[in-house]
PDB file of N, CA and C in Angstrom:
ATOM      1  N   MET A   1       0.704  -1.191  -0.001  1.00  0.00           N
ATOM      2  CA  MET A   1       0.019  -0.004   0.068  1.00  0.00           C
ATOM      3  C   MET A   1       0.878   1.402   0.035  1.00  0.00           C
ATOM      4  N   GLU A   2       2.022   1.203   0.599  1.00  0.00           N
ATOM      5  CA  GLU A   2       2.838   2.362   0.723  1.00  0.00           C
ATOM      6  C   GLU A   2       3.345   2.805  -0.626  1.00  0.00           C
ATOM      7  N   ARG A   3       3.660   1.817  -1.448  1.00  0.00           N
ATOM      8  CA  ARG A   3       4.255   2.126  -2.856  1.00  0.00           C
ATOM      9  C   ARG A   3       3.174   2.678  -3.616  1.00  0.00           C
ATOM     10  N   LEU A   4       1.909   2.345  -3.459  1.00  0.00           N
ATOM     11  CA  LEU A   4       0.727   2.794  -4.215  1.00  0.00           C
ATOM     12  C   LEU A   4       0.717   4.350  -3.684  1.00  0.00           C
ATOM     13  N   TYR A   5       0.671   4.637  -2.452  1.00  0.00           N
ATOM     14  CA  TYR A   5       0.687   5.976  -2.105  1.00  0.00           C
ATOM     15  C   TYR A   5       1.775   6.950  -2.796  1.00  0.00           C
ATOM     16  N   GLU A   6       2.917   6.363  -2.850  1.00  0.00           N
ATOM     17  CA  GLU A   6       4.091   7.020  -3.428  1.00  0.00           C
ATOM     18  C   GLU A   6       3.822   7.307  -4.958  1.00  0.00           C
ATOM     19  N   ILE A   7       3.226   6.358  -5.674  1.00  0.00           N
ATOM     20  CA  ILE A   7       2.846   6.630  -7.029  1.00  0.00           C
ATOM     21  C   ILE A   7       1.874   7.627  -7.156  1.00  0.00           C
ATOM     22  N   LEU A   8       0.824   7.674  -6.350  1.00  0.00           N
ATOM     23  CA  LEU A   8      -0.250   8.611  -6.419  1.00  0.00           C
ATOM     24  C   LEU A   8       0.359   9.988  -6.080  1.00  0.00           C
ATOM     25  N   GLU A   9       1.238  10.110  -5.191  1.00  0.00           N
ATOM     26  CA  GLU A   9       1.809  11.317  -4.805  1.00  0.00           C
ATOM     27  C   GLU A   9       2.822  11.938  -6.003  1.00  0.00           C
ATOM     28  N   GLU A  10       3.454  10.927  -6.591  1.00  0.00           N
ATOM     29  CA  GLU A  10       4.313  11.352  -7.813  1.00  0.00           C
ATOM     30  C   GLU A  10       3.425  12.012  -8.843  1.00  0.00           C
ATOM     31  N   VAL A  11       2.250  11.446  -9.011  1.00  0.00           N
ATOM     32  CA  VAL A  11       1.467  11.881 -10.186  1.00  0.00           C
ATOM     33  C   VAL A  11       0.798  13.232  -9.767  1.00  0.00           C
ATOM     34  N   ARG A  12       0.209  13.445  -8.532  1.00  0.00           N
ATOM     35  CA  ARG A  12      -0.490  14.386  -7.962  1.00  0.00           C
ATOM     36  C   ARG A  12       0.045  14.729  -6.653  1.00  0.00           C
ATOM     37  N   SER A  13       1.160  15.571  -6.569  1.00  0.00           N
ATOM     38  CA  SER A  13       1.643  15.743  -5.314  1.00  0.00           C
ATOM     39  C   SER A  13       0.956  16.780  -4.441  1.00  0.00           C
ATOM     40  N   ASP A  14      -0.067  17.434  -5.247  1.00  0.00           N
ATOM     41  CA  ASP A  14      -0.930  18.447  -4.420  1.00  0.00           C
ATOM     42  C   ASP A  14      -2.231  17.810  -3.734  1.00  0.00           C
ATOM     43  N   VAL A  15      -2.153  16.493  -3.796  1.00  0.00           N
ATOM     44  CA  VAL A  15      -3.282  15.866  -3.171  1.00  0.00           C
ATOM     45  C   VAL A  15      -2.815  14.960  -2.041  1.00  0.00           C
ATOM     46  N   ASP A  16      -3.434  15.031  -0.793  1.00  0.00           N
ATOM     47  CA  ASP A  16      -2.955  14.173   0.350  1.00  0.00           C
ATOM     48  C   ASP A  16      -4.049  12.897   0.318  1.00  0.00           C
ATOM     49  N   PHE A  17      -3.305  11.909  -0.519  1.00  0.00           N
ATOM     50  CA  PHE A  17      -4.200  10.592  -0.684  1.00  0.00           C
ATOM     51  C   PHE A  17      -4.429   9.960   0.586  1.00  0.00           C
ATOM     52  N   ARG A  18      -3.532   9.932   1.606  1.00  0.00           N
ATOM     53  CA  ARG A  18      -3.658   9.290   2.809  1.00  0.00           C
ATOM     54  C   ARG A  18      -4.842   9.761   3.618  1.00  0.00           C
ATOM     55  N   ASN A  19      -5.314  10.915   3.540  1.00  0.00           N
ATOM     56  CA  ASN A  19      -6.294  11.494   4.322  1.00  0.00           C
ATOM     57  C   ASN A  19      -7.475  12.032   3.436  1.00  0.00           C
ATOM     58  N   CYS A  20      -7.596  11.925   2.264  1.00  0.00           N
ATOM     59  CA  CYS A  20      -8.350  12.418   1.349  1.00  0.00           C
ATOM     60  C   CYS A  20      -9.773  11.607   1.588  1.00  0.00           C
ATOM     61  N   LYS A  21     -10.846  12.388   1.910  1.00  0.00           N
ATOM     62  CA  LYS A  21     -12.226  11.762   2.058  1.00  0.00           C
ATOM     63  C   LYS A  21     -13.120  11.705   0.768  1.00  0.00           C
ATOM     64  N   ASP A  22     -12.580  12.527  -0.217  1.00  0.00           N
ATOM     65  CA  ASP A  22     -13.281  12.673  -1.461  1.00  0.00           C
ATOM     66  C   ASP A  22     -13.076  11.511  -2.223  1.00  0.00           C
ATOM     67  N   LYS A  23     -14.222  11.195  -3.002  1.00  0.00           N
ATOM     68  CA  LYS A  23     -14.030  10.174  -4.017  1.00  0.00           C
ATOM     69  C   LYS A  23     -13.178  10.628  -5.167  1.00  0.00           C
ATOM     70  N   LEU A  24     -12.086   9.997  -5.552  1.00  0.00           N
ATOM     71  CA  LEU A  24     -11.019  10.546  -6.378  1.00  0.00           C
ATOM     72  C   LEU A  24     -11.534  10.847  -7.845  1.00  0.00           C
ATOM     73  N   ILE A  25     -12.423  10.030  -8.363  1.00  0.00           N
ATOM     74  CA  ILE A  25     -13.070  10.210  -9.543  1.00  0.00           C
ATOM     75  C   ILE A  25     -14.295  10.999  -9.535  1.00  0.00           C
ATOM     76  N   ASP A  26     -15.383  10.531  -8.852  1.00  0.00           N
ATOM     77  CA  ASP A  26     -16.632  11.160  -8.755  1.00  0.00           C
ATOM     78  C   ASP A  26     -16.436  12.603  -8.321  1.00  0.00           C
ATOM     79  N   ASP A  27     -15.519  13.021  -7.325  1.00  0.00           N
ATOM     80  CA  ASP A  27     -15.495  14.330  -6.859  1.00  0.00           C
ATOM     81  C   ASP A  27     -14.530  15.078  -7.586  1.00  0.00           C
ATOM     82  N   GLY A  28     -13.929  14.594  -8.695  1.00  0.00           N
ATOM     83  CA  GLY A  28     -13.113  15.444  -9.653  1.00  0.00           C
ATOM     84  C   GLY A  28     -11.598  15.588  -9.181  1.00  0.00           C
ATOM     85  N   VAL A  29     -11.223  14.845  -8.247  1.00  0.00           N
ATOM     86  CA  VAL A  29      -9.878  15.093  -7.606  1.00  0.00           C
ATOM     87  C   VAL A  29      -8.794  14.555  -8.664  1.00  0.00           C
ATOM     88  N   LEU A  30      -9.201  13.362  -9.393  1.00  0.00           N
ATOM     89  CA  LEU A  30      -8.302  13.020 -10.484  1.00  0.00           C
ATOM     90  C   LEU A  30      -8.961  13.154 -11.818  1.00  0.00           C
ATOM     91  N   GLY A  31      -8.272  13.587 -12.857  1.00  0.00           N
ATOM     92  CA  GLY A  31      -8.887  13.746 -14.078  1.00  0.00           C
ATOM     93  C   GLY A  31      -8.248  12.701 -15.048  1.00  0.00           C
ATOM     94  N   SER A  32      -8.581  12.654 -16.258  1.00  0.00           N
ATOM     95  CA  SER A  32      -8.345  11.562 -17.230  1.00  0.00           C
ATOM     96  C   SER A  32      -6.738  11.361 -17.349  1.00  0.00           C
ATOM     97  N   PHE A  33      -5.985  12.385 -17.463  1.00  0.00           N
ATOM     98  CA  PHE A  33      -4.587  12.338 -17.697  1.00  0.00           C
ATOM     99  C   PHE A  33      -3.934  11.870 -16.410  1.00  0.00           C
ATOM    100  N   ASP A  34      -4.452  12.247 -15.260  1.00  0.00           N
ATOM    101  CA  ASP A  34      -4.052  11.458 -14.037  1.00  0.00           C
ATOM    102  C   ASP A  34      -4.172  10.024 -13.995  1.00  0.00           C
ATOM    103  N   ILE A  35      -5.415   9.526 -14.349  1.00  0.00           N
ATOM    104  CA  ILE A  35      -5.574   8.158 -14.394  1.00  0.00           C
ATOM    105  C   ILE A  35      -4.832   7.336 -15.376  1.00  0.00           C
ATOM    106  N   ILE A  36      -4.468   8.026 -16.525  1.00  0.00           N
ATOM    107  CA  ILE A  36      -3.584   7.262 -17.428  1.00  0.00           C
ATOM    108  C   ILE A  36      -2.197   7.187 -16.943  1.00  0.00           C
ATOM    109  N   ALA A  37      -1.784   8.214 -16.315  1.00  0.00           N
ATOM    110  CA  ALA A  37      -0.367   8.245 -15.775  1.00  0.00           C
ATOM    111  C   ALA A  37      -0.384   7.213 -14.500  1.00  0.00           C
ATOM    112  N   ILE A  38      -1.477   7.099 -13.735  1.00  0.00           N
ATOM    113  CA  ILE A  38      -1.484   6.272 -12.718  1.00  0.00           C
ATOM    114  C   ILE A  38      -1.499   4.851 -13.164  1.00  0.00           C
ATOM    115  N   ILE A  39      -2.390   4.394 -14.230  1.00  0.00           N
ATOM    116  CA  ILE A  39      -2.377   3.139 -14.621  1.00  0.00           C
ATOM    117  C   ILE A  39      -1.062   2.671 -15.237  1.00  0.00           C
ATOM    118  N   GLY A  40      -0.376   3.570 -16.003  1.00  0.00           N
ATOM    119  CA  GLY A  40       1.025   3.193 -16.531  1.00  0.00           C
ATOM    120  C   GLY A  40       1.986   2.680 -15.420  1.00  0.00           C
ATOM    121  N   GLU A  41       1.816   3.625 -14.353  1.00  0.00           N
ATOM    122  CA  GLU A  41       2.786   3.282 -13.060  1.00  0.00           C
ATOM    123  C   GLU A  41       2.401   2.016 -12.593  1.00  0.00           C
ATOM    124  N   LEU A  42       1.141   1.761 -12.388  1.00  0.00           N
ATOM    125  CA  LEU A  42       0.662   0.665 -11.680  1.00  0.00           C
ATOM    126  C   LEU A  42       0.866  -0.581 -12.428  1.00  0.00           C
ATOM    127  N   ASN A  43       0.696  -0.535 -13.740  1.00  0.00           N
ATOM    128  CA  ASN A  43       1.036  -1.741 -14.578  1.00  0.00           C
ATOM    129  C   ASN A  43       2.563  -2.063 -14.501  1.00  0.00           C
ATOM    130  N   GLU A  44       3.469  -1.000 -14.428  1.00  0.00           N
ATOM    131  CA  GLU A  44       4.878  -1.219 -14.394  1.00  0.00           C
ATOM    132  C   GLU A  44       5.285  -1.761 -13.049  1.00  0.00           C
ATOM    133  N   GLU A  45       4.896  -1.077 -12.009  1.00  0.00           N
ATOM    134  CA  GLU A  45       5.352  -1.260 -10.647  1.00  0.00           C
ATOM    135  C   GLU A  45       4.927  -2.705 -10.173  1.00  0.00           C
ATOM    136  N   PHE A  46       3.635  -2.985 -10.437  1.00  0.00           N
ATOM    137  CA  PHE A  46       2.981  -4.221  -9.758  1.00  0.00           C
ATOM    138  C   PHE A  46       2.945  -5.486 -10.841  1.00  0.00           C
ATOM    139  N   ASP A  47       3.514  -5.171 -11.927  1.00  0.00           N
ATOM    140  CA  ASP A  47       3.483  -6.199 -13.008  1.00  0.00           C
ATOM    141  C   ASP A  47       2.131  -6.825 -13.294  1.00  0.00           C
ATOM    142  N   ILE A  48       1.222  -5.865 -13.626  1.00  0.00           N
ATOM    143  CA  ILE A  48      -0.123  -6.247 -13.902  1.00  0.00           C
ATOM    144  C   ILE A  48      -0.474  -5.479 -15.219  1.00  0.00           C
ATOM    145  N   GLU A  49      -1.739  -5.911 -15.777  1.00  0.00           N
ATOM    146  CA  GLU A  49      -2.178  -5.338 -16.976  1.00  0.00           C
ATOM    147  C   GLU A  49      -3.778  -4.784 -16.667  1.00  0.00           C
ATOM    148  N   ILE A  50      -3.867  -3.506 -16.456  1.00  0.00           N
ATOM    149  CA  ILE A  50      -5.190  -2.998 -16.276  1.00  0.00           C
ATOM    150  C   ILE A  50      -5.815  -2.780 -17.613  1.00  0.00           C
ATOM    151  N   SER A  51      -6.892  -3.534 -17.907  1.00  0.00           N
ATOM    152  CA  SER A  51      -7.680  -3.414 -19.094  1.00  0.00           C
ATOM    153  C   SER A  51      -8.687  -2.390 -19.301  1.00  0.00           C
ATOM    154  N   VAL A  52      -9.283  -2.177 -20.465  1.00  0.00           N
ATOM    155  CA  VAL A  52     -10.187  -1.247 -20.514  1.00  0.00           C
ATOM    156  C   VAL A  52     -11.485  -1.585 -19.624  1.00  0.00           C
ATOM    157  N   ASP A  53     -11.680  -2.918 -19.501  1.00  0.00           N
ATOM    158  CA  ASP A  53     -12.911  -3.331 -18.682  1.00  0.00           C
ATOM    159  C   ASP A  53     -12.755  -2.950 -17.306  1.00  0.00           C
ATOM    160  N   GLU A  54     -11.580  -2.758 -16.727  1.00  0.00           N
ATOM    161  CA  GLU A  54     -11.258  -2.303 -15.347  1.00  0.00           C
ATOM    162  C   GLU A  54     -11.242  -0.760 -15.089  1.00  0.00           C
ATOM    163  N   LEU A  55     -11.510  -0.026 -16.275  1.00  0.00           N
ATOM    164  CA  LEU A  55     -11.522   1.446 -16.146  1.00  0.00           C
ATOM    165  C   LEU A  55     -12.848   1.967 -15.691  1.00  0.00           C
ATOM    166  N   LEU A  56     -13.194   1.509 -14.526  1.00  0.00           N
ATOM    167  CA  LEU A  56     -14.365   2.115 -13.957  1.00  0.00           C
ATOM    168  C   LEU A  56     -14.249   3.006 -12.825  1.00  0.00           C
ATOM    169  N   PRO A  57     -14.973   3.966 -12.501  1.00  0.00           N
ATOM    170  CA  PRO A  57     -14.724   4.868 -11.387  1.00  0.00           C
ATOM    171  C   PRO A  57     -14.497   4.146 -10.094  1.00  0.00           C
ATOM    172  N   GLU A  58     -15.368   3.114  -9.861  1.00  0.00           N
ATOM    173  CA  GLU A  58     -15.348   2.533  -8.475  1.00  0.00           C
ATOM    174  C   GLU A  58     -13.896   1.827  -8.272  1.00  0.00           C
ATOM    175  N   ASN A  59     -13.265   1.537  -9.310  1.00  0.00           N
ATOM    176  CA  ASN A  59     -11.792   0.937  -9.129  1.00  0.00           C
ATOM    177  C   ASN A  59     -10.810   1.846  -8.902  1.00  0.00           C
ATOM    178  N   PHE A  60     -11.019   3.305  -9.094  1.00  0.00           N
ATOM    179  CA  PHE A  60     -10.133   4.380  -8.902  1.00  0.00           C
ATOM    180  C   PHE A  60     -10.619   5.451  -7.949  1.00  0.00           C
ATOM    181  N   ASN A  61     -11.635   5.288  -7.233  1.00  0.00           N
ATOM    182  CA  ASN A  61     -12.203   6.393  -6.408  1.00  0.00           C
ATOM    183  C   ASN A  61     -11.568   6.529  -5.008  1.00  0.00           C
ATOM    184  N   SER A  62     -10.626   5.597  -4.623  1.00  0.00           N
ATOM    185  CA  SER A  62      -9.798   5.571  -3.476  1.00  0.00           C
ATOM    186  C   SER A  62      -8.744   4.783  -3.707  1.00  0.00           C
ATOM    187  N   PRO A  63      -7.639   4.968  -3.021  1.00  0.00           N
ATOM    188  CA  PRO A  63      -6.320   4.181  -2.892  1.00  0.00           C
ATOM    189  C   PRO A  63      -6.636   2.791  -2.555  1.00  0.00           C
ATOM    190  N   GLU A  64      -7.568   2.641  -1.615  1.00  0.00           N
ATOM    191  CA  GLU A  64      -8.044   1.206  -1.193  1.00  0.00           C
ATOM    192  C   GLU A  64      -8.603   0.466  -2.356  1.00  0.00           C
ATOM    193  N   ALA A  65      -9.557   1.108  -3.149  1.00  0.00           N
ATOM    194  CA  ALA A  65     -10.177   0.409  -4.245  1.00  0.00           C
ATOM    195  C   ALA A  65      -8.969   0.142  -5.368  1.00  0.00           C
ATOM    196  N   MET A  66      -8.060   0.899  -5.531  1.00  0.00           N
ATOM    197  CA  MET A  66      -6.958   0.662  -6.535  1.00  0.00           C
ATOM    198  C   MET A  66      -6.164  -0.561  -5.952  1.00  0.00           C
ATOM    199  N   MET A  67      -5.898  -0.622  -4.649  1.00  0.00           N
ATOM    200  CA  MET A  67      -5.223  -1.728  -4.127  1.00  0.00           C
ATOM    201  C   MET A  67      -5.924  -2.997  -4.385  1.00  0.00           C
ATOM    202  N   GLU A  68      -7.195  -2.908  -4.161  1.00  0.00           N
ATOM    203  CA  GLU A  68      -7.964  -4.200  -4.400  1.00  0.00           C
ATOM    204  C   GLU A  68      -7.921  -4.611  -5.794  1.00  0.00           C
ATOM    205  N   LEU A  69      -7.923  -3.794  -6.664  1.00  0.00           N
ATOM    206  CA  LEU A  69      -7.875  -4.106  -8.127  1.00  0.00           C
ATOM    207  C   LEU A  69      -6.524  -4.635  -8.440  1.00  0.00           C
ATOM    208  N   ILE A  70      -5.588  -3.956  -7.928  1.00  0.00           N
ATOM    209  CA  ILE A  70      -4.048  -4.638  -7.962  1.00  0.00           C
ATOM    210  C   ILE A  70      -4.049  -5.957  -7.544  1.00  0.00           C
ATOM    211  N   GLN A  71      -4.509  -6.261  -6.306  1.00  0.00           N
ATOM    212  CA  GLN A  71      -4.366  -7.623  -5.716  1.00  0.00           C
ATOM    213  C   GLN A  71      -5.173  -8.505  -6.678  1.00  0.00           C
ATOM    214  N   LYS A  72      -6.328  -8.133  -7.069  1.00  0.00           N
ATOM    215  CA  LYS A  72      -7.254  -9.163  -7.927  1.00  0.00           C
ATOM    216  C   LYS A  72      -6.498  -9.410  -9.044  1.00  0.00           C
ATOM    217  N   LEU A  73      -5.763  -8.398  -9.818  1.00  0.00           N
ATOM    218  CA  LEU A  73      -5.159  -8.728 -11.092  1.00  0.00           C
ATOM    219  C   LEU A  73      -3.988  -9.659 -10.853  1.00  0.00           C
ATOM    220  N   GLN A  74      -3.347  -9.285  -9.916  1.00  0.00           N
ATOM    221  CA  GLN A  74      -2.161 -10.232  -9.399  1.00  0.00           C
ATOM    222  C   GLN A  74      -2.463 -11.700  -9.157  1.00  0.00           C
ATOM    223  N   GLU A  75      -3.597 -11.888  -8.524  1.00  0.00           N
ATOM    224  CA  GLU A  75      -4.158 -13.207  -8.212  1.00  0.00           C
ATOM    225  C   GLU A  75      -4.508 -13.855  -9.436  1.00  0.00           C
ATOM    226  N   GLU A  76      -5.034 -13.126 -10.546  1.00  0.00           N
ATOM    227  CA  GLU A  76      -5.369 -13.658 -11.737  1.00  0.00           C
ATOM    228  C   GLU A  76      -4.282 -14.182 -12.658  1.00  0.00           C
ATOM    229  N   MET A  77      -2.994 -13.742 -12.407  1.00  0.00           N
ATOM    230  CA  MET A  77      -1.848 -14.139 -13.184  1.00  0.00           C
ATOM    231  C   MET A  77      -1.389 -15.440 -12.889  1.00  0.00           C
TER     232      MET A  77
END
């Protein structure tokens, strides 16, 4: 989880992801370019492949949701 926070902070250093209560997608904290950058970093760092089918707001609305997606994709490999 720590590495995920580091990646998120690299992409958007102006957001406190550890304490953010907003939904990252639904509340407009992250935009489409942010998501593209995050997906690229996650794919590389965690050796996963996030497909178009997984590009749902609920998978990116919080760091916890992203971690669940990462773990699910790692288990499928």
